[in-house]
């Protein structure tokens, strides 16, 4: 594991944070009031005592921004995680479906599904992630059947005491062999 210079990470953040804000604005510019109103339960706005058109539009806009910011920021954090992991472990963006990052450490190939936080899904997405890991392991083992592969649910922040079963390491907390120490310390500091 190599030590990274915080200045390099800061430069990456400064260079790429604008993309996060551009995507937020782009998402908002695609918002069409007529389409949103067709999908919304307008009775809910009556119950919430939103009496003016301004209140309704603001409520819709705020909800739209909040729901999309999570996804956009998660994608941005994934890029940061891959960048930092590339500096520390020479990791690369994976080309395998459902796998975000691959890297080798101590003769082990780690395949990582990066999530921004530890509280990201219910049973259905977790089942899909497990399926992606099984498929990825089969794909990687076609060229080297004895390859030691560890599947990782890599969370950039948050803590989770419950590990996901089926040979998937959950590295959301510091006590579980966190493979993203540089990201955690960079975000915390």
C-alpha atoms as a PDB file:
ATOM      1  CA  UNK A   1       0.000   0.000   0.000  1.00  0.00           C
ATOM      2  CA  UNK A   2       1.417   3.353  -0.932  1.00  0.00           C
ATOM      3  CA  UNK A   3       0.865   6.611   0.912  1.00  0.00           C
ATOM      4  CA  UNK A   4      -0.967   9.276  -1.046  1.00  0.00           C
ATOM      5  CA  UNK A   5      -0.371  12.962  -1.053  1.00  0.00           C
ATOM      6  CA  UNK A   6      -3.503  14.815   0.096  1.00  0.00           C
ATOM      7  CA  UNK A   7      -2.732  17.513  -2.465  1.00  0.00           C
ATOM      8  CA  UNK A   8      -3.266  15.014  -5.276  1.00  0.00           C
ATOM      9  CA  UNK A   9      -6.671  14.056  -3.887  1.00  0.00           C
ATOM     10  CA  UNK A  10      -7.571  17.712  -3.377  1.00  0.00           C
ATOM     11  CA  UNK A  11      -6.622  18.442  -6.993  1.00  0.00           C
ATOM     12  CA  UNK A  12      -8.842  15.573  -8.157  1.00  0.00           C
ATOM     13  CA  UNK A  13     -11.747  16.904  -6.083  1.00  0.00           C
ATOM     14  CA  UNK A  14     -11.288  20.449  -7.366  1.00  0.00           C
ATOM     15  CA  UNK A  15     -11.053  19.210 -10.944  1.00  0.00           C
ATOM     16  CA  UNK A  16     -14.115  16.940 -10.752  1.00  0.00           C
ATOM     17  CA  UNK A  17     -16.542  18.601  -8.302  1.00  0.00           C
ATOM     18  CA  UNK A  18     -17.828  20.830 -11.089  1.00  0.00           C
ATOM     19  CA  UNK A  19     -19.187  17.726 -12.831  1.00  0.00           C
ATOM     20  CA  UNK A  20     -21.326  16.982  -9.784  1.00  0.00           C
ATOM     21  CA  UNK A  21     -22.832  20.477  -9.918  1.00  0.00           C
ATOM     22  CA  UNK A  22     -23.317  20.346 -13.708  1.00  0.00           C
ATOM     23  CA  UNK A  23     -25.207  17.075 -13.370  1.00  0.00           C
ATOM     24  CA  UNK A  24     -27.404  18.550 -10.625  1.00  0.00           C
ATOM     25  CA  UNK A  25     -28.305  21.487 -12.855  1.00  0.00           C
ATOM     26  CA  UNK A  26     -28.798  19.212 -15.853  1.00  0.00           C
ATOM     27  CA  UNK A  27     -31.185  17.043 -13.857  1.00  0.00           C
ATOM     28  CA  UNK A  28     -33.184  20.074 -12.820  1.00  0.00           C
ATOM     29  CA  UNK A  29     -33.297  21.473 -16.349  1.00  0.00           C
ATOM     30  CA  UNK A  30     -34.904  18.218 -17.551  1.00  0.00           C
ATOM     31  CA  UNK A  31     -37.697  18.551 -15.000  1.00  0.00           C
ATOM     32  CA  UNK A  32     -41.034  19.158 -16.757  1.00  0.00           C
ATOM     33  CA  UNK A  33     -43.804  20.354 -14.465  1.00  0.00           C
ATOM     34  CA  UNK A  34     -46.610  18.838 -16.554  1.00  0.00           C
ATOM     35  CA  UNK A  35     -44.995  15.373 -16.465  1.00  0.00           C
ATOM     36  CA  UNK A  36     -44.288  15.587 -12.738  1.00  0.00           C
ATOM     37  CA  UNK A  37     -47.832  16.698 -11.918  1.00  0.00           C
ATOM     38  CA  UNK A  38     -49.228  13.679 -13.784  1.00  0.00           C
ATOM     39  CA  UNK A  39     -47.206  11.371 -11.532  1.00  0.00           C
ATOM     40  CA  UNK A  40     -47.921  13.148  -8.241  1.00  0.00           C
ATOM     41  CA  UNK A  41     -50.809  12.705  -5.874  1.00  0.00           C
ATOM     42  CA  UNK A  42     -52.100  16.260  -5.711  1.00  0.00           C
ATOM     43  CA  UNK A  43     -54.333  15.379  -2.754  1.00  0.00           C
ATOM     44  CA  UNK A  44     -51.140  14.919  -0.757  1.00  0.00           C
ATOM     45  CA  UNK A  45     -50.306  18.582  -1.335  1.00  0.00           C
ATOM     46  CA  UNK A  46     -53.742  19.554  -0.027  1.00  0.00           C
ATOM     47  CA  UNK A  47     -53.191  17.475   3.107  1.00  0.00           C
ATOM     48  CA  UNK A  48     -49.773  19.090   3.554  1.00  0.00           C
ATOM     49  CA  UNK A  49     -51.500  22.507   3.447  1.00  0.00           C
ATOM     50  CA  UNK A  50     -49.670  23.660   0.356  1.00  0.00           C
ATOM     51  CA  UNK A  51     -52.109  26.319  -0.742  1.00  0.00           C
ATOM     52  CA  UNK A  52     -50.279  28.177  -3.478  1.00  0.00           C
ATOM     53  CA  UNK A  53     -48.847  27.074  -6.807  1.00  0.00           C
ATOM     54  CA  UNK A  54     -45.470  28.326  -5.591  1.00  0.00           C
ATOM     55  CA  UNK A  55     -45.569  25.953  -2.594  1.00  0.00           C
ATOM     56  CA  UNK A  56     -46.492  22.980  -4.810  1.00  0.00           C
ATOM     57  CA  UNK A  57     -43.796  23.726  -7.401  1.00  0.00           C
ATOM     58  CA  UNK A  58     -41.184  24.337  -4.707  1.00  0.00           C
ATOM     59  CA  UNK A  59     -42.115  21.072  -2.988  1.00  0.00           C
ATOM     60  CA  UNK A  60     -41.851  19.138  -6.257  1.00  0.00           C
ATOM     61  CA  UNK A  61     -38.558  20.793  -7.158  1.00  0.00           C
ATOM     62  CA  UNK A  62     -37.040  20.203  -3.725  1.00  0.00           C
ATOM     63  CA  UNK A  63     -38.082  16.534  -3.750  1.00  0.00           C
ATOM     64  CA  UNK A  64     -36.701  16.073  -7.272  1.00  0.00           C
ATOM     65  CA  UNK A  65     -33.368  17.662  -6.388  1.00  0.00           C
ATOM     66  CA  UNK A  66     -33.025  15.669  -3.158  1.00  0.00           C
ATOM     67  CA  UNK A  67     -33.731  12.310  -4.791  1.00  0.00           C
ATOM     68  CA  UNK A  68     -31.352  12.938  -7.683  1.00  0.00           C
ATOM     69  CA  UNK A  69     -28.553  14.427  -5.575  1.00  0.00           C
ATOM     70  CA  UNK A  70     -28.084  11.102  -3.774  1.00  0.00           C
ATOM     71  CA  UNK A  71     -27.501   9.283  -7.052  1.00  0.00           C
ATOM     72  CA  UNK A  72     -25.328  11.986  -8.586  1.00  0.00           C
ATOM     73  CA  UNK A  73     -23.186  12.333  -5.466  1.00  0.00           C
ATOM     74  CA  UNK A  74     -22.902   8.546  -5.186  1.00  0.00           C
ATOM     75  CA  UNK A  75     -21.591   8.383  -8.754  1.00  0.00           C
ATOM     76  CA  UNK A  76     -19.130  11.188  -7.990  1.00  0.00           C
ATOM     77  CA  UNK A  77     -17.922   9.409  -4.847  1.00  0.00           C
ATOM     78  CA  UNK A  78     -17.468   6.213  -6.868  1.00  0.00           C
ATOM     79  CA  UNK A  79     -15.096   8.095  -9.171  1.00  0.00           C
ATOM     80  CA  UNK A  80     -13.199   9.448  -6.168  1.00  0.00           C
ATOM     81  CA  UNK A  81     -12.967   5.962  -4.631  1.00  0.00           C
ATOM     82  CA  UNK A  82     -11.580   4.508  -7.863  1.00  0.00           C
ATOM     83  CA  UNK A  83      -9.092   7.370  -8.162  1.00  0.00           C
ATOM     84  CA  UNK A  84      -7.823   7.003  -4.572  1.00  0.00           C
ATOM     85  CA  UNK A  85      -7.726   3.218  -4.808  1.00  0.00           C
ATOM     86  CA  UNK A  86      -5.735   3.592  -8.024  1.00  0.00           C
ATOM     87  CA  UNK A  87      -3.160   5.664  -6.154  1.00  0.00           C
ATOM     88  CA  UNK A  88      -2.986   3.315  -3.165  1.00  0.00           C
ATOM     89  CA  UNK A  89      -3.433  -0.164  -4.716  1.00  0.00           C
ATOM     90  CA  UNK A  90      -3.180   0.523  -8.457  1.00  0.00           C
ATOM     91  CA  UNK A  91      -6.881  -0.364  -8.751  1.00  0.00           C
ATOM     92  CA  UNK A  92      -8.820   0.149 -11.967  1.00  0.00           C
ATOM     93  CA  UNK A  93     -12.429   0.673 -13.011  1.00  0.00           C
ATOM     94  CA  UNK A  94     -13.784  -2.798 -13.736  1.00  0.00           C
ATOM     95  CA  UNK A  95     -15.218  -3.786 -17.082  1.00  0.00           C
ATOM     96  CA  UNK A  96     -17.326  -6.533 -15.520  1.00  0.00           C
ATOM     97  CA  UNK A  97     -21.059  -5.861 -15.179  1.00  0.00           C
ATOM     98  CA  UNK A  98     -21.996  -4.920 -11.621  1.00  0.00           C
ATOM     99  CA  UNK A  99     -18.383  -4.487 -10.485  1.00  0.00           C
ATOM    100  CA  UNK A 100     -17.031  -0.971 -10.047  1.00  0.00           C
ATOM    101  CA  UNK A 101     -13.415  -1.596  -9.095  1.00  0.00           C
ATOM    102  CA  UNK A 102     -10.777  -4.332  -9.295  1.00  0.00           C
ATOM    103  CA  UNK A 103      -7.416  -4.427  -7.592  1.00  0.00           C
ATOM    104  CA  UNK A 104      -4.860  -6.857  -6.235  1.00  0.00           C
ATOM    105  CA  UNK A 105      -3.483  -6.884  -2.704  1.00  0.00           C
ATOM    106  CA  UNK A 106      -1.460  -9.666  -1.046  1.00  0.00           C
ATOM    107  CA  UNK A 107      -2.149 -12.125  -3.896  1.00  0.00           C
ATOM    108  CA  UNK A 108      -5.892 -11.547  -3.648  1.00  0.00           C
ATOM    109  CA  UNK A 109      -8.019 -10.020  -6.398  1.00  0.00           C
ATOM    110  CA  UNK A 110     -10.618  -7.746  -4.865  1.00  0.00           C
ATOM    111  CA  UNK A 111     -13.786  -7.040  -6.823  1.00  0.00           C
ATOM    112  CA  UNK A 112     -15.680  -4.118  -5.382  1.00  0.00           C
ATOM    113  CA  UNK A 113     -19.197  -2.798  -5.715  1.00  0.00           C
ATOM    114  CA  UNK A 114     -18.862   0.786  -4.491  1.00  0.00           C
ATOM    115  CA  UNK A 115     -21.696   2.391  -2.565  1.00  0.00           C
ATOM    116  CA  UNK A 116     -21.591   5.899  -1.192  1.00  0.00           C
ATOM    117  CA  UNK A 117     -23.007   4.929   2.209  1.00  0.00           C
ATOM    118  CA  UNK A 118     -23.655   1.799   4.216  1.00  0.00           C
ATOM    119  CA  UNK A 119     -27.468   2.032   4.190  1.00  0.00           C
ATOM    120  CA  UNK A 120     -28.075   1.657   0.477  1.00  0.00           C
ATOM    121  CA  UNK A 121     -30.491  -1.139  -0.240  1.00  0.00           C
ATOM    122  CA  UNK A 122     -32.999  -3.738   0.764  1.00  0.00           C
ATOM    123  CA  UNK A 123     -33.039  -7.453  -0.099  1.00  0.00           C
ATOM    124  CA  UNK A 124     -33.543  -7.039  -3.866  1.00  0.00           C
ATOM    125  CA  UNK A 125     -30.470  -4.898  -4.629  1.00  0.00           C
ATOM    126  CA  UNK A 126     -28.369  -7.002  -2.256  1.00  0.00           C
ATOM    127  CA  UNK A 127     -29.469 -10.167  -4.055  1.00  0.00           C
ATOM    128  CA  UNK A 128     -28.533  -8.539  -7.365  1.00  0.00           C
ATOM    129  CA  UNK A 129     -25.122  -7.546  -6.006  1.00  0.00           C
ATOM    130  CA  UNK A 130     -24.485 -11.107  -4.822  1.00  0.00           C
ATOM    131  CA  UNK A 131     -25.466 -12.429  -8.246  1.00  0.00           C
ATOM    132  CA  UNK A 132     -23.099  -9.938  -9.916  1.00  0.00           C
ATOM    133  CA  UNK A 133     -20.275 -11.080  -7.638  1.00  0.00           C
ATOM    134  CA  UNK A 134     -20.837 -14.759  -8.481  1.00  0.00           C
ATOM    135  CA  UNK A 135     -20.865 -13.953 -12.218  1.00  0.00           C
ATOM    136  CA  UNK A 136     -17.737 -11.780 -11.894  1.00  0.00           C
ATOM    137  CA  UNK A 137     -15.864 -14.536 -10.050  1.00  0.00           C
ATOM    138  CA  UNK A 138     -16.754 -17.015 -12.802  1.00  0.00           C
ATOM    139  CA  UNK A 139     -15.617 -14.526 -15.442  1.00  0.00           C
ATOM    140  CA  UNK A 140     -12.290 -13.863 -13.733  1.00  0.00           C
ATOM    141  CA  UNK A 141     -11.631 -17.549 -13.103  1.00  0.00           C
ATOM    142  CA  UNK A 142     -11.934 -18.439 -16.797  1.00  0.00           C
ATOM    143  CA  UNK A 143      -8.374 -17.224 -17.256  1.00  0.00           C
ATOM    144  CA  UNK A 144      -7.020 -18.339 -13.858  1.00  0.00           C
ATOM    145  CA  UNK A 145      -9.048 -20.992 -12.050  1.00  0.00           C
ATOM    146  CA  UNK A 146      -6.956 -20.773  -8.879  1.00  0.00           C
ATOM    147  CA  UNK A 147      -7.288 -17.016  -8.488  1.00  0.00           C
ATOM    148  CA  UNK A 148      -8.192 -16.005  -4.942  1.00  0.00           C
ATOM    149  CA  UNK A 149     -11.049 -13.519  -5.296  1.00  0.00           C
ATOM    150  CA  UNK A 150     -12.744 -11.546  -2.546  1.00  0.00           C
ATOM    151  CA  UNK A 151     -16.000  -9.718  -3.260  1.00  0.00           C
ATOM    152  CA  UNK A 152     -16.425  -6.451  -1.393  1.00  0.00           C
ATOM    153  CA  UNK A 153     -19.363  -4.168  -0.760  1.00  0.00           C
ATOM    154  CA  UNK A 154     -17.221  -1.042  -0.489  1.00  0.00           C
ATOM    155  CA  UNK A 155     -18.919   1.833   1.296  1.00  0.00           C
ATOM    156  CA  UNK A 156     -17.288   5.260   1.224  1.00  0.00           C
ATOM    157  CA  UNK A 157     -18.878   6.398   4.487  1.00  0.00           C
ATOM    158  CA  UNK A 158     -21.054   5.159   7.319  1.00  0.00           C
ATOM    159  CA  UNK A 159     -20.889   2.241   9.689  1.00  0.00           C
ATOM    160  CA  UNK A 160     -22.594  -1.098   9.431  1.00  0.00           C
ATOM    161  CA  UNK A 161     -22.268  -3.808  12.059  1.00  0.00           C
ATOM    162  CA  UNK A 162     -23.987  -6.444   9.932  1.00  0.00           C
ATOM    163  CA  UNK A 163     -21.864  -8.038   7.264  1.00  0.00           C
ATOM    164  CA  UNK A 164     -23.628  -9.200   4.153  1.00  0.00           C
ATOM    165  CA  UNK A 165     -23.486 -12.982   3.943  1.00  0.00           C
ATOM    166  CA  UNK A 166     -22.342 -15.194   1.056  1.00  0.00           C
ATOM    167  CA  UNK A 167     -18.633 -14.349   1.084  1.00  0.00           C
ATOM    168  CA  UNK A 168     -19.098 -10.622   0.615  1.00  0.00           C
ATOM    169  CA  UNK A 169     -17.027  -8.419   2.856  1.00  0.00           C
ATOM    170  CA  UNK A 170     -18.767  -5.261   3.956  1.00  0.00           C
ATOM    171  CA  UNK A 171     -16.128  -2.622   4.549  1.00  0.00           C
ATOM    172  CA  UNK A 172     -18.289   0.188   5.818  1.00  0.00           C
ATOM    173  CA  UNK A 173     -16.632   0.355   9.210  1.00  0.00           C
ATOM    174  CA  UNK A 174     -13.010   0.696  10.254  1.00  0.00           C
ATOM    175  CA  UNK A 175     -12.996  -2.624  12.106  1.00  0.00           C
ATOM    176  CA  UNK A 176     -13.616  -4.702   8.995  1.00  0.00           C
ATOM    177  CA  UNK A 177     -10.321  -4.268   7.164  1.00  0.00           C
ATOM    178  CA  UNK A 178     -11.290  -1.068   5.376  1.00  0.00           C
ATOM    179  CA  UNK A 179      -9.745  -1.002   1.919  1.00  0.00           C
ATOM    180  CA  UNK A 180     -10.648   2.658   1.447  1.00  0.00           C
ATOM    181  CA  UNK A 181      -8.720   4.288   4.309  1.00  0.00           C
ATOM    182  CA  UNK A 182      -7.600   7.228   2.225  1.00  0.00           C
ATOM    183  CA  UNK A 183     -11.141   8.105   1.207  1.00  0.00           C
ATOM    184  CA  UNK A 184     -12.465   7.801   4.740  1.00  0.00           C
ATOM    185  CA  UNK A 185      -9.706   9.922   6.228  1.00  0.00           C
ATOM    186  CA  UNK A 186      -9.918  12.450   3.413  1.00  0.00           C
ATOM    187  CA  UNK A 187     -13.677  12.889   3.782  1.00  0.00           C
ATOM    188  CA  UNK A 188     -13.536  12.974   7.579  1.00  0.00           C
ATOM    189  CA  UNK A 189     -10.689  15.480   7.649  1.00  0.00           C
END
